[in-house]
C-alpha atoms as a PDB file:
ATOM      1  CA  MET A   1      -6.895 -33.757 213.548  1.00  0.00           C
ATOM      2  CA  LYS A   2      -4.528 -33.538 216.516  1.00  0.00           C
ATOM      3  CA  ILE A   3      -5.680 -34.271 220.059  1.00  0.00           C
ATOM      4  CA  ALA A   4      -4.231 -32.890 223.297  1.00  0.00           C
ATOM      5  CA  VAL A   5      -4.996 -34.784 226.510  1.00  0.00           C
ATOM      6  CA  VAL A   6      -4.642 -32.225 229.296  1.00  0.00           C
ATOM      7  CA  ILE A   7      -4.707 -33.413 232.915  1.00  0.00           C
ATOM      8  CA  LEU A   8      -5.179 -30.712 235.536  1.00  0.00           C
ATOM      9  CA  ASN A   9      -3.275 -31.484 238.719  1.00  0.00           C
ATOM     10  CA  TRP A  10      -3.148 -30.052 242.191  1.00  0.00           C
ATOM     11  CA  ASN A  11      -1.118 -31.980 244.773  1.00  0.00           C
ATOM     12  CA  GLY A  12      -2.070 -35.207 243.010  1.00  0.00           C
ATOM     13  CA  GLU A  13       1.209 -37.100 242.839  1.00  0.00           C
ATOM     14  CA  LYS A  14      -0.406 -40.367 243.977  1.00  0.00           C
ATOM     15  CA  LEU A  15      -3.192 -40.059 241.403  1.00  0.00           C
ATOM     16  CA  LEU A  16      -0.705 -39.338 238.630  1.00  0.00           C
ATOM     17  CA  GLU A  17       1.358 -42.339 239.678  1.00  0.00           C
ATOM     18  CA  GLN A  18      -1.729 -44.552 239.524  1.00  0.00           C
ATOM     19  CA  PHE A  19      -3.550 -43.273 236.442  1.00  0.00           C
ATOM     20  CA  LEU A  20      -1.089 -41.523 234.143  1.00  0.00           C
ATOM     21  CA  PRO A  21       0.424 -44.822 232.893  1.00  0.00           C
ATOM     22  CA  SER A  22      -2.883 -45.903 231.289  1.00  0.00           C
ATOM     23  CA  VAL A  23      -3.203 -42.523 229.571  1.00  0.00           C
ATOM     24  CA  ILE A  24       0.305 -42.788 228.142  1.00  0.00           C
ATOM     25  CA  LYS A  25      -0.153 -46.417 227.102  1.00  0.00           C
ATOM     26  CA  TYR A  26      -3.445 -45.926 225.275  1.00  0.00           C
ATOM     27  CA  SER A  27      -3.057 -42.369 223.912  1.00  0.00           C
ATOM     28  CA  GLN A  28      -0.068 -42.682 221.640  1.00  0.00           C
ATOM     29  CA  GLU A  29      -1.764 -40.649 218.896  1.00  0.00           C
ATOM     30  CA  ALA A  30      -2.237 -37.682 221.263  1.00  0.00           C
ATOM     31  CA  THR A  31       0.023 -35.166 222.963  1.00  0.00           C
ATOM     32  CA  ILE A  32      -0.241 -35.491 226.746  1.00  0.00           C
ATOM     33  CA  TYR A  33       0.029 -32.530 229.084  1.00  0.00           C
ATOM     34  CA  VAL A  34      -0.070 -32.210 232.856  1.00  0.00           C
ATOM     35  CA  ALA A  35      -1.259 -28.728 233.789  1.00  0.00           C
ATOM     36  CA  ASP A  36      -0.161 -28.120 237.366  1.00  0.00           C
ATOM     37  CA  ASN A  37      -2.166 -25.709 239.530  1.00  0.00           C
ATOM     38  CA  ALA A  38       0.744 -24.523 241.694  1.00  0.00           C
ATOM     39  CA  SER A  39       1.079 -27.787 243.597  1.00  0.00           C
ATOM     40  CA  THR A  40       3.062 -27.852 246.804  1.00  0.00           C
ATOM     41  CA  ASP A  41       3.787 -31.572 246.653  1.00  0.00           C
ATOM     42  CA  ASN A  42       6.259 -33.416 244.421  1.00  0.00           C
ATOM     43  CA  SER A  43       3.872 -33.737 241.434  1.00  0.00           C
ATOM     44  CA  VAL A  44       5.849 -31.820 238.838  1.00  0.00           C
ATOM     45  CA  HIS A  45       9.190 -33.419 239.679  1.00  0.00           C
ATOM     46  CA  PHE A  46       7.538 -36.851 239.694  1.00  0.00           C
ATOM     47  CA  VAL A  47       6.122 -36.420 236.195  1.00  0.00           C
ATOM     48  CA  LYS A  48       9.351 -34.987 234.799  1.00  0.00           C
ATOM     49  CA  HIS A  49      11.373 -37.843 236.264  1.00  0.00           C
ATOM     50  CA  HIS A  50       9.079 -40.807 235.518  1.00  0.00           C
ATOM     51  CA  PHE A  51       7.191 -39.644 232.395  1.00  0.00           C
ATOM     52  CA  PRO A  52       9.575 -37.447 230.391  1.00  0.00           C
ATOM     53  CA  THR A  53       7.371 -37.562 227.253  1.00  0.00           C
ATOM     54  CA  VAL A  54       4.573 -35.728 229.088  1.00  0.00           C
ATOM     55  CA  LYS A  55       4.595 -31.967 228.631  1.00  0.00           C
ATOM     56  CA  ILE A  56       4.301 -29.818 231.760  1.00  0.00           C
ATOM     57  CA  ILE A  57       2.354 -26.568 232.009  1.00  0.00           C
ATOM     58  CA  GLN A  58       2.842 -24.770 235.314  1.00  0.00           C
ATOM     59  CA  ASN A  59       0.116 -22.371 236.403  1.00  0.00           C
ATOM     60  CA  THR A  60       1.093 -19.683 238.879  1.00  0.00           C
ATOM     61  CA  GLU A  61      -1.835 -20.280 241.278  1.00  0.00           C
ATOM     62  CA  ASN A  62      -4.539 -22.793 242.153  1.00  0.00           C
ATOM     63  CA  GLY A  63      -7.452 -21.191 240.338  1.00  0.00           C
ATOM     64  CA  GLY A  64      -9.593 -24.312 240.502  1.00  0.00           C
ATOM     65  CA  TYR A  65     -10.835 -26.297 237.521  1.00  0.00           C
ATOM     66  CA  ALA A  66     -12.139 -23.335 235.533  1.00  0.00           C
ATOM     67  CA  LYS A  67      -9.229 -20.903 235.749  1.00  0.00           C
ATOM     68  CA  GLY A  68      -6.702 -23.730 235.817  1.00  0.00           C
ATOM     69  CA  TYR A  69      -7.810 -24.992 232.422  1.00  0.00           C
ATOM     70  CA  ASN A  70      -8.306 -21.512 230.972  1.00  0.00           C
ATOM     71  CA  GLU A  71      -4.715 -20.631 231.807  1.00  0.00           C
ATOM     72  CA  ALA A  72      -3.236 -23.956 230.738  1.00  0.00           C
ATOM     73  CA  LEU A  73      -5.052 -24.189 227.414  1.00  0.00           C
ATOM     74  CA  LYS A  74      -3.533 -20.899 226.278  1.00  0.00           C
ATOM     75  CA  HIS A  75      -0.371 -22.967 225.725  1.00  0.00           C
ATOM     76  CA  VAL A  76      -2.031 -25.857 223.843  1.00  0.00           C
ATOM     77  CA  THR A  77      -2.317 -25.731 220.047  1.00  0.00           C
ATOM     78  CA  GLU A  78      -3.840 -29.100 219.094  1.00  0.00           C
ATOM     79  CA  ASP A  79      -7.207 -29.124 217.286  1.00  0.00           C
ATOM     80  CA  ILE A  80      -9.094 -31.044 219.991  1.00  0.00           C
ATOM     81  CA  PHE A  81      -8.727 -30.525 223.732  1.00  0.00           C
ATOM     82  CA  CYS A  82      -9.411 -33.499 225.992  1.00  0.00           C
ATOM     83  CA  LEU A  83      -9.762 -32.280 229.569  1.00  0.00           C
ATOM     84  CA  LEU A  84      -9.152 -35.361 231.672  1.00  0.00           C
ATOM     85  CA  ASN A  85      -9.386 -35.681 235.442  1.00  0.00           C
ATOM     86  CA  SER A  86      -6.309 -37.063 237.150  1.00  0.00           C
ATOM     87  CA  ASP A  87      -8.377 -39.918 238.661  1.00  0.00           C
ATOM     88  CA  VAL A  88      -9.447 -41.453 235.331  1.00  0.00           C
ATOM     89  CA  GLU A  89      -8.270 -44.759 233.875  1.00  0.00           C
ATOM     90  CA  VAL A  90      -8.611 -44.881 230.090  1.00  0.00           C
ATOM     91  CA  THR A  91      -8.964 -47.982 227.921  1.00  0.00           C
ATOM     92  CA  GLU A  92      -7.380 -49.302 224.762  1.00  0.00           C
ATOM     93  CA  ALA A  93      -8.306 -47.332 221.615  1.00  0.00           C
ATOM     94  CA  TRP A  94     -10.485 -44.969 223.663  1.00  0.00           C
ATOM     95  CA  LEU A  95      -9.619 -41.982 221.453  1.00  0.00           C
ATOM     96  CA  ASN A  96     -10.535 -43.598 218.126  1.00  0.00           C
ATOM     97  CA  PRO A  97     -14.354 -43.344 218.374  1.00  0.00           C
ATOM     98  CA  ILE A  98     -14.046 -39.765 219.651  1.00  0.00           C
ATOM     99  CA  ALA A  99     -11.851 -38.648 216.747  1.00  0.00           C
ATOM    100  CA  GLU A 100     -14.079 -40.456 214.264  1.00  0.00           C
ATOM    101  CA  THR A 101     -17.188 -38.734 215.604  1.00  0.00           C
ATOM    102  CA  PHE A 102     -15.587 -35.304 215.381  1.00  0.00           C
ATOM    103  CA  LYS A 103     -14.644 -36.042 211.750  1.00  0.00           C
ATOM    104  CA  LYS A 104     -18.104 -37.330 210.793  1.00  0.00           C
ATOM    105  CA  GLN A 105     -20.026 -34.628 212.675  1.00  0.00           C
ATOM    106  CA  PRO A 106     -18.527 -31.179 212.017  1.00  0.00           C
ATOM    107  CA  GLU A 107     -21.481 -29.603 213.852  1.00  0.00           C
ATOM    108  CA  THR A 108     -20.453 -31.405 217.058  1.00  0.00           C
ATOM    109  CA  ALA A 109     -18.368 -29.168 219.318  1.00  0.00           C
ATOM    110  CA  ILE A 110     -18.171 -31.213 222.541  1.00  0.00           C
ATOM    111  CA  ILE A 111     -18.001 -34.954 223.283  1.00  0.00           C
ATOM    112  CA  GLN A 112     -17.825 -37.211 226.310  1.00  0.00           C
ATOM    113  CA  PRO A 113     -17.261 -41.005 226.404  1.00  0.00           C
ATOM    114  CA  LYS A 114     -19.020 -43.565 228.565  1.00  0.00           C
ATOM    115  CA  ILE A 115     -17.888 -42.968 232.144  1.00  0.00           C
ATOM    116  CA  LEU A 116     -17.988 -45.974 234.464  1.00  0.00           C
ATOM    117  CA  ASP A 117     -17.128 -46.222 238.146  1.00  0.00           C
ATOM    118  CA  TYR A 118     -13.514 -47.234 238.724  1.00  0.00           C
ATOM    119  CA  LYS A 119     -14.467 -48.796 242.070  1.00  0.00           C
ATOM    120  CA  ASN A 120     -17.489 -50.651 240.642  1.00  0.00           C
ATOM    121  CA  LYS A 121     -16.712 -51.125 236.981  1.00  0.00           C
ATOM    122  CA  ASN A 122     -20.032 -52.563 235.886  1.00  0.00           C
ATOM    123  CA  HIS A 123     -21.905 -49.435 237.014  1.00  0.00           C
ATOM    124  CA  PHE A 124     -21.966 -45.890 235.697  1.00  0.00           C
ATOM    125  CA  GLU A 125     -20.129 -43.155 237.551  1.00  0.00           C
ATOM    126  CA  TYR A 126     -21.994 -40.271 239.130  1.00  0.00           C
ATOM    127  CA  ALA A 127     -20.141 -37.456 237.353  1.00  0.00           C
ATOM    128  CA  GLY A 128     -21.334 -37.775 233.774  1.00  0.00           C
ATOM    129  CA  ALA A 129     -22.349 -41.422 233.332  1.00  0.00           C
ATOM    130  CA  ALA A 130     -23.714 -41.648 229.758  1.00  0.00           C
ATOM    131  CA  GLY A 131     -24.165 -37.948 229.066  1.00  0.00           C
ATOM    132  CA  GLY A 132     -26.048 -35.191 230.817  1.00  0.00           C
ATOM    133  CA  PHE A 133     -29.275 -33.206 230.693  1.00  0.00           C
ATOM    134  CA  ILE A 134     -30.952 -30.645 232.949  1.00  0.00           C
ATOM    135  CA  ASP A 135     -34.516 -29.949 233.970  1.00  0.00           C
ATOM    136  CA  LYS A 136     -36.270 -26.581 233.711  1.00  0.00           C
ATOM    137  CA  PHE A 137     -34.903 -25.475 237.081  1.00  0.00           C
ATOM    138  CA  GLY A 138     -31.287 -26.324 236.307  1.00  0.00           C
ATOM    139  CA  TYR A 139     -30.961 -29.626 238.182  1.00  0.00           C
ATOM    140  CA  PRO A 140     -28.516 -31.823 236.255  1.00  0.00           C
ATOM    141  CA  PHE A 141     -28.976 -35.534 235.635  1.00  0.00           C
ATOM    142  CA  CYS A 142     -27.504 -38.176 233.361  1.00  0.00           C
ATOM    143  CA  ARG A 143     -28.370 -41.155 231.300  1.00  0.00           C
ATOM    144  CA  GLY A 144     -27.401 -43.766 233.849  1.00  0.00           C
ATOM    145  CA  ARG A 145     -27.776 -41.531 236.918  1.00  0.00           C
ATOM    146  CA  LEU A 146     -30.720 -39.663 238.434  1.00  0.00           C
ATOM    147  CA  PHE A 147     -29.701 -37.846 241.607  1.00  0.00           C
ATOM    148  CA  HIS A 148     -27.931 -40.660 243.550  1.00  0.00           C
ATOM    149  CA  SER A 149     -29.571 -43.596 241.748  1.00  0.00           C
ATOM    150  CA  ILE A 150     -26.846 -45.215 239.628  1.00  0.00           C
ATOM    151  CA  GLU A 151     -27.614 -47.707 236.846  1.00  0.00           C
ATOM    152  CA  GLU A 152     -25.685 -50.843 236.010  1.00  0.00           C
ATOM    153  CA  ASP A 153     -24.015 -50.812 232.608  1.00  0.00           C
ATOM    154  CA  LEU A 154     -25.884 -53.434 230.587  1.00  0.00           C
ATOM    155  CA  GLY A 155     -25.018 -51.975 227.195  1.00  0.00           C
ATOM    156  CA  GLN A 156     -28.151 -49.805 227.214  1.00  0.00           C
ATOM    157  CA  TYR A 157     -26.088 -46.696 226.441  1.00  0.00           C
ATOM    158  CA  ASN A 158     -23.602 -48.038 223.909  1.00  0.00           C
ATOM    159  CA  ASP A 159     -24.870 -45.522 221.366  1.00  0.00           C
ATOM    160  CA  ILE A 160     -23.668 -42.239 219.889  1.00  0.00           C
ATOM    161  CA  THR A 161     -26.265 -39.572 220.571  1.00  0.00           C
ATOM    162  CA  PRO A 162     -26.724 -35.856 221.295  1.00  0.00           C
ATOM    163  CA  VAL A 163     -26.842 -34.830 224.960  1.00  0.00           C
ATOM    164  CA  PHE A 164     -27.118 -31.451 226.662  1.00  0.00           C
ATOM    165  CA  TRP A 165     -23.889 -31.479 228.641  1.00  0.00           C
ATOM    166  CA  ALA A 166     -20.673 -33.472 228.852  1.00  0.00           C
ATOM    167  CA  SER A 167     -18.839 -34.340 232.049  1.00  0.00           C
ATOM    168  CA  GLY A 168     -15.768 -32.378 233.028  1.00  0.00           C
ATOM    169  CA  ALA A 169     -14.196 -35.664 234.155  1.00  0.00           C
ATOM    170  CA  CYS A 170     -13.472 -36.455 230.495  1.00  0.00           C
ATOM    171  CA  PHE A 171     -14.435 -33.535 228.286  1.00  0.00           C
ATOM    172  CA  PHE A 172     -13.506 -33.180 224.613  1.00  0.00           C
ATOM    173  CA  ILE A 173     -13.976 -29.842 222.844  1.00  0.00           C
ATOM    174  CA  ARG A 174     -12.791 -28.328 219.595  1.00  0.00           C
ATOM    175  CA  LYS A 175     -10.105 -25.722 220.262  1.00  0.00           C
ATOM    176  CA  ASP A 176     -11.758 -23.079 218.074  1.00  0.00           C
ATOM    177  CA  ILE A 177     -15.110 -23.449 219.853  1.00  0.00           C
ATOM    178  CA  TYR A 178     -13.502 -23.334 223.295  1.00  0.00           C
ATOM    179  CA  ARG A 179     -11.804 -20.072 222.417  1.00  0.00           C
ATOM    180  CA  GLN A 180     -14.883 -18.637 220.718  1.00  0.00           C
ATOM    181  CA  LEU A 181     -16.859 -19.267 223.919  1.00  0.00           C
ATOM    182  CA  ASN A 182     -14.038 -17.731 226.020  1.00  0.00           C
ATOM    183  CA  GLY A 183     -13.530 -20.982 227.903  1.00  0.00           C
ATOM    184  CA  PHE A 184     -14.895 -21.654 231.355  1.00  0.00           C
ATOM    185  CA  ASP A 185     -16.443 -19.034 233.607  1.00  0.00           C
ATOM    186  CA  GLU A 186     -13.788 -18.631 236.305  1.00  0.00           C
ATOM    187  CA  SER A 187     -16.248 -17.378 238.917  1.00  0.00           C
ATOM    188  CA  PHE A 188     -17.470 -20.994 239.224  1.00  0.00           C
ATOM    189  CA  PHE A 189     -14.038 -22.093 240.547  1.00  0.00           C
ATOM    190  CA  ALA A 190     -15.069 -25.764 240.255  1.00  0.00           C
ATOM    191  CA  HIS A 191     -18.208 -27.854 239.614  1.00  0.00           C
ATOM    192  CA  MET A 192     -20.806 -27.237 236.905  1.00  0.00           C
ATOM    193  CA  GLU A 193     -18.575 -24.974 234.849  1.00  0.00           C
ATOM    194  CA  GLU A 194     -18.705 -27.630 232.123  1.00  0.00           C
ATOM    195  CA  ILE A 195     -22.532 -27.479 232.155  1.00  0.00           C
ATOM    196  CA  ASP A 196     -22.367 -23.709 231.794  1.00  0.00           C
ATOM    197  CA  LEU A 197     -19.958 -24.046 228.856  1.00  0.00           C
ATOM    198  CA  CYS A 198     -22.128 -26.687 227.154  1.00  0.00           C
ATOM    199  CA  TRP A 199     -25.205 -24.517 227.731  1.00  0.00           C
ATOM    200  CA  ARG A 200     -23.526 -21.526 226.110  1.00  0.00           C
ATOM    201  CA  ALA A 201     -22.519 -23.750 223.203  1.00  0.00           C
ATOM    202  CA  PHE A 202     -26.106 -25.063 222.928  1.00  0.00           C
ATOM    203  CA  ASN A 203     -27.478 -21.517 222.824  1.00  0.00           C
ATOM    204  CA  LYS A 204     -25.160 -20.854 219.865  1.00  0.00           C
ATOM    205  CA  ASN A 205     -26.443 -23.997 218.083  1.00  0.00           C
ATOM    206  CA  TYR A 206     -23.371 -26.150 218.709  1.00  0.00           C
ATOM    207  CA  ASN A 207     -23.947 -29.808 219.550  1.00  0.00           C
ATOM    208  CA  THR A 208     -22.704 -31.859 222.491  1.00  0.00           C
ATOM    209  CA  CYS A 209     -22.467 -35.598 221.876  1.00  0.00           C
ATOM    210  CA  TYR A 210     -22.096 -38.782 223.919  1.00  0.00           C
ATOM    211  CA  VAL A 211     -19.968 -41.538 222.378  1.00  0.00           C
ATOM    212  CA  GLY A 212     -20.727 -44.805 224.154  1.00  0.00           C
ATOM    213  CA  THR A 213     -18.221 -46.776 222.100  1.00  0.00           C
ATOM    214  CA  SER A 214     -15.391 -45.174 224.088  1.00  0.00           C
ATOM    215  CA  THR A 215     -15.037 -46.069 227.774  1.00  0.00           C
ATOM    216  CA  VAL A 216     -13.136 -44.607 230.722  1.00  0.00           C
ATOM    217  CA  TYR A 217     -13.245 -45.384 234.455  1.00  0.00           C
ATOM    218  CA  HIS A 218     -13.505 -42.506 236.926  1.00  0.00           C
ATOM    219  CA  VAL A 219     -12.802 -42.701 240.653  1.00  0.00           C
ATOM    220  CA  GLY A 220     -14.880 -39.602 241.424  1.00  0.00           C
ATOM    221  CA  GLY A 221     -14.486 -37.460 244.523  1.00  0.00           C
ATOM    222  CA  ALA A 222     -10.729 -37.920 244.557  1.00  0.00           C
ATOM    223  CA  THR A 223     -10.209 -34.178 245.027  1.00  0.00           C
ATOM    224  CA  LEU A 224     -13.534 -33.324 246.719  1.00  0.00           C
ATOM    225  CA  GLU A 225     -15.879 -36.036 247.986  1.00  0.00           C
ATOM    226  CA  ASN A 226     -19.652 -35.868 247.532  1.00  0.00           C
ATOM    227  CA  SER A 227     -20.010 -35.836 251.321  1.00  0.00           C
ATOM    228  CA  ASN A 228     -17.983 -32.613 251.539  1.00  0.00           C
ATOM    229  CA  PRO A 229     -20.197 -29.554 252.273  1.00  0.00           C
ATOM    230  CA  LYS A 230     -17.957 -27.481 249.999  1.00  0.00           C
ATOM    231  CA  LYS A 231     -19.171 -29.566 247.050  1.00  0.00           C
ATOM    232  CA  THR A 232     -22.768 -28.938 248.139  1.00  0.00           C
ATOM    233  CA  PHE A 233     -22.023 -25.206 248.245  1.00  0.00           C
ATOM    234  CA  LEU A 234     -20.443 -25.158 244.789  1.00  0.00           C
ATOM    235  CA  ASN A 235     -23.106 -27.314 243.145  1.00  0.00           C
ATOM    236  CA  PHE A 236     -26.075 -25.320 244.489  1.00  0.00           C
ATOM    237  CA  ARG A 237     -24.496 -21.924 243.869  1.00  0.00           C
ATOM    238  CA  ASN A 238     -23.105 -22.700 240.430  1.00  0.00           C
ATOM    239  CA  SER A 239     -26.368 -24.235 239.281  1.00  0.00           C
ATOM    240  CA  LEU A 240     -28.049 -20.896 240.028  1.00  0.00           C
ATOM    241  CA  PHE A 241     -25.264 -19.140 238.128  1.00  0.00           C
ATOM    242  CA  THR A 242     -25.982 -21.209 235.021  1.00  0.00           C
ATOM    243  CA  LEU A 243     -29.715 -20.489 235.171  1.00  0.00           C
ATOM    244  CA  VAL A 244     -29.324 -16.724 235.348  1.00  0.00           C
ATOM    245  CA  LYS A 245     -26.798 -16.642 232.536  1.00  0.00           C
ATOM    246  CA  ASN A 246     -28.363 -19.057 230.073  1.00  0.00           C
ATOM    247  CA  ALA A 247     -32.028 -19.891 230.664  1.00  0.00           C
ATOM    248  CA  GLY A 248     -34.671 -18.312 228.467  1.00  0.00           C
ATOM    249  CA  GLY A 249     -38.182 -17.434 229.635  1.00  0.00           C
ATOM    250  CA  ASN A 250     -39.380 -15.728 232.819  1.00  0.00           C
ATOM    251  CA  LEU A 251     -36.181 -15.605 234.843  1.00  0.00           C
ATOM    252  CA  PHE A 252     -37.795 -14.232 238.033  1.00  0.00           C
ATOM    253  CA  ALA A 253     -40.345 -17.074 238.245  1.00  0.00           C
ATOM    254  CA  LEU A 254     -37.677 -19.624 237.381  1.00  0.00           C
ATOM    255  CA  ILE A 255     -35.250 -18.496 240.089  1.00  0.00           C
ATOM    256  CA  LEU A 256     -37.986 -18.099 242.693  1.00  0.00           C
ATOM    257  CA  THR A 257     -39.199 -21.660 242.103  1.00  0.00           C
ATOM    258  CA  ARG A 258     -35.635 -22.937 242.196  1.00  0.00           C
ATOM    259  CA  LEU A 259     -34.972 -21.249 245.534  1.00  0.00           C
ATOM    260  CA  VAL A 260     -38.072 -22.916 246.989  1.00  0.00           C
ATOM    261  CA  LEU A 261     -36.875 -26.303 245.706  1.00  0.00           C
ATOM    262  CA  ASP A 262     -33.481 -25.678 247.282  1.00  0.00           C
ATOM    263  CA  GLY A 263     -35.362 -25.084 250.523  1.00  0.00           C
ATOM    264  CA  PHE A 264     -36.857 -28.574 250.236  1.00  0.00           C
ATOM    265  CA  ALA A 265     -33.325 -29.900 249.731  1.00  0.00           C
ATOM    266  CA  ALA A 266     -32.316 -28.192 252.961  1.00  0.00           C
ATOM    267  CA  VAL A 267     -35.241 -29.867 254.760  1.00  0.00           C
ATOM    268  CA  LYS A 268     -34.044 -33.223 253.428  1.00  0.00           C
ATOM    269  CA  PHE A 269     -30.571 -32.547 254.849  1.00  0.00           C
ATOM    270  CA  LEU A 270     -32.223 -31.529 258.131  1.00  0.00           C
ATOM    271  CA  LEU A 271     -34.005 -34.875 258.377  1.00  0.00           C
ATOM    272  CA  GLU A 272     -30.661 -36.582 257.708  1.00  0.00           C
ATOM    273  CA  PHE A 273     -28.957 -34.456 260.424  1.00  0.00           C
ATOM    274  CA  LYS A 274     -26.525 -33.048 257.856  1.00  0.00           C
ATOM    275  CA  TRP A 275     -26.182 -29.634 259.449  1.00  0.00           C
ATOM    276  CA  LEU A 276     -23.117 -28.538 257.507  1.00  0.00           C
ATOM    277  CA  HIS A 277     -24.889 -29.196 254.197  1.00  0.00           C
ATOM    278  CA  ILE A 278     -27.803 -26.990 255.283  1.00  0.00           C
ATOM    279  CA  LEU A 279     -25.292 -24.265 256.050  1.00  0.00           C
ATOM    280  CA  ALA A 280     -23.669 -24.868 252.660  1.00  0.00           C
ATOM    281  CA  ILE A 281     -26.988 -24.255 250.861  1.00  0.00           C
ATOM    282  CA  LEU A 282     -27.490 -21.045 252.830  1.00  0.00           C
ATOM    283  CA  LYS A 283     -23.959 -19.884 251.950  1.00  0.00           C
ATOM    284  CA  ALA A 284     -24.582 -20.829 248.318  1.00  0.00           C
ATOM    285  CA  HIS A 285     -27.646 -18.588 248.173  1.00  0.00           C
ATOM    286  CA  LEU A 286     -25.850 -15.702 249.865  1.00  0.00           C
ATOM    287  CA  SER A 287     -22.969 -16.010 247.411  1.00  0.00           C
ATOM    288  CA  PHE A 288     -25.457 -16.170 244.543  1.00  0.00           C
ATOM    289  CA  TYR A 289     -27.090 -12.899 245.662  1.00  0.00           C
ATOM    290  CA  ALA A 290     -23.674 -11.265 245.906  1.00  0.00           C
ATOM    291  CA  HIS A 291     -22.847 -12.339 242.337  1.00  0.00           C
ATOM    292  CA  LEU A 292     -26.291 -11.538 240.907  1.00  0.00           C
ATOM    293  CA  PRO A 293     -25.486  -8.057 239.484  1.00  0.00           C
ATOM    294  CA  LYS A 294     -22.513  -9.493 237.575  1.00  0.00           C
ATOM    295  CA  LEU A 295     -24.569 -12.467 236.389  1.00  0.00           C
ATOM    296  CA  LEU A 296     -27.302 -10.188 235.057  1.00  0.00           C
ATOM    297  CA  LYS A 297     -24.681  -8.195 233.137  1.00  0.00           C
ATOM    298  CA  GLN A 298     -23.355 -11.438 231.671  1.00  0.00           C
ATOM    299  CA  ARG A 299     -26.900 -12.436 230.723  1.00  0.00           C
ATOM    300  CA  LYS A 300     -27.242  -9.310 228.595  1.00  0.00           C
ATOM    301  CA  THR A 301     -24.189 -10.285 226.540  1.00  0.00           C
ATOM    302  CA  LEU A 302     -25.209 -13.934 226.040  1.00  0.00           C
ATOM    303  CA  LYS A 303     -27.835 -15.664 223.949  1.00  0.00           C
ATOM    304  CA  GLN A 304     -30.632 -17.499 225.808  1.00  0.00           C
ATOM    305  CA  CYS A 305     -32.926 -20.301 224.672  1.00  0.00           C
ATOM    306  CA  LYS A 306     -36.198 -21.567 226.212  1.00  0.00           C
ATOM    307  CA  ASN A 307     -35.960 -25.157 224.925  1.00  0.00           C
ATOM    308  CA  TYR A 308     -33.002 -26.307 226.987  1.00  0.00           C
ATOM    309  CA  TYR A 309     -34.575 -28.868 229.312  1.00  0.00           C
ATOM    310  CA  LYS A 310     -35.601 -32.484 228.898  1.00  0.00           C
ATOM    311  CA  LYS A 311     -38.067 -32.599 231.817  1.00  0.00           C
ATOM    312  CA  PRO A 312     -39.926 -29.759 233.563  1.00  0.00           C
ATOM    313  CA  SER A 313     -39.002 -31.056 237.031  1.00  0.00           C
ATOM    314  CA  LEU A 314     -36.592 -33.843 237.871  1.00  0.00           C
ATOM    315  CA  VAL A 315     -37.504 -33.416 241.544  1.00  0.00           C
ATOM    316  CA  TRP A 316     -41.155 -34.241 240.771  1.00  0.00           C
ATOM    317  CA  SER A 317     -40.266 -37.190 238.516  1.00  0.00           C
ATOM    318  CA  TYR A 318     -37.831 -38.669 241.028  1.00  0.00           C
ATOM    319  CA  TYR A 319     -39.472 -38.062 244.408  1.00  0.00           C
ATOM    320  CA  ILE A 320     -43.183 -37.968 243.523  1.00  0.00           C
ATOM    321  CA  ASN A 321     -43.424 -40.260 240.482  1.00  0.00           C
ATOM    322  CA  LYS A 322     -40.657 -42.528 241.880  1.00  0.00           C
ATOM    323  CA  CYS A 323     -38.750 -42.579 238.592  1.00  0.00           C
ATOM    324  CA  LYS A 324     -35.255 -43.845 239.448  1.00  0.00           C
ATOM    325  CA  ASN A 325     -34.098 -44.779 235.934  1.00  0.00           C
ATOM    326  CA  PHE A 326     -33.371 -42.465 233.020  1.00  0.00           C
ATOM    327  CA  ASN A 327     -35.422 -44.494 230.564  1.00  0.00           C
ATOM    328  CA  CYS A 328     -38.617 -43.995 232.591  1.00  0.00           C
ATOM    329  CA  LEU A 329     -38.466 -40.200 232.288  1.00  0.00           C
END
């Protein structure tokens, strides 16, 4: 079983300089690629000059995470794709538990390792933590992270267990499954496309797994910080995309309730004087309406499932029941 570690890059020379050495040092059994999204900095020359064993794939445009990987992975032939953010530090023997799990569990299509915070290494990192789930209305959360409440790593998630979605920060998927599912939905551009892909896999009875015996450290927000309204726009819009495409049940009632909940989120931003984030939610909804006819066409071609969520409402559990820890859900 051959593994390809594919790092998508856009103007990330400094990140490659900082983090690529750990990937090379601890991934000797894998083939390492840098897939460049038409960078305008010195990234490609830097990698060629300093890391000649790394293979370069040059995309013709910056199509974001989704299109960038779809284009790059056309040129990758290894059995397992590892999609690794450029701001991730890996650890010794990190690939061994992943490969072993794929071998022991042929029904498992997608895997993520334990993802800790590079800047606070005894805590989980926001984007993925110890594996992800969603509630009925499409709000994502993780073992180790509910909304912005981050848990300390005390070994509570050192297990190997099924989850609903794996983080795009360090995302392993079998090549054949990736191609069967037609890769990422490029209309997402970035953010939550990995949840959409995992959801489509789930609806086809493929498993996603968390392997807590493998650890990486993620900076997070290196390309787009959480405080950036563009991230708010993408997260709110793309979450609605995933619901329309993949959720079973009464879609009209589901979307209507979700839009009301998004309104409460806008009120929260209002009370925090975050005007640009309110505008981002409004733009997200307008973009969602514009894409709705296409999404409904996609829905007709995809399989849906009603039993996709762990909790009916994360918002209720977190804000009303004051549940700030995954294990109290």
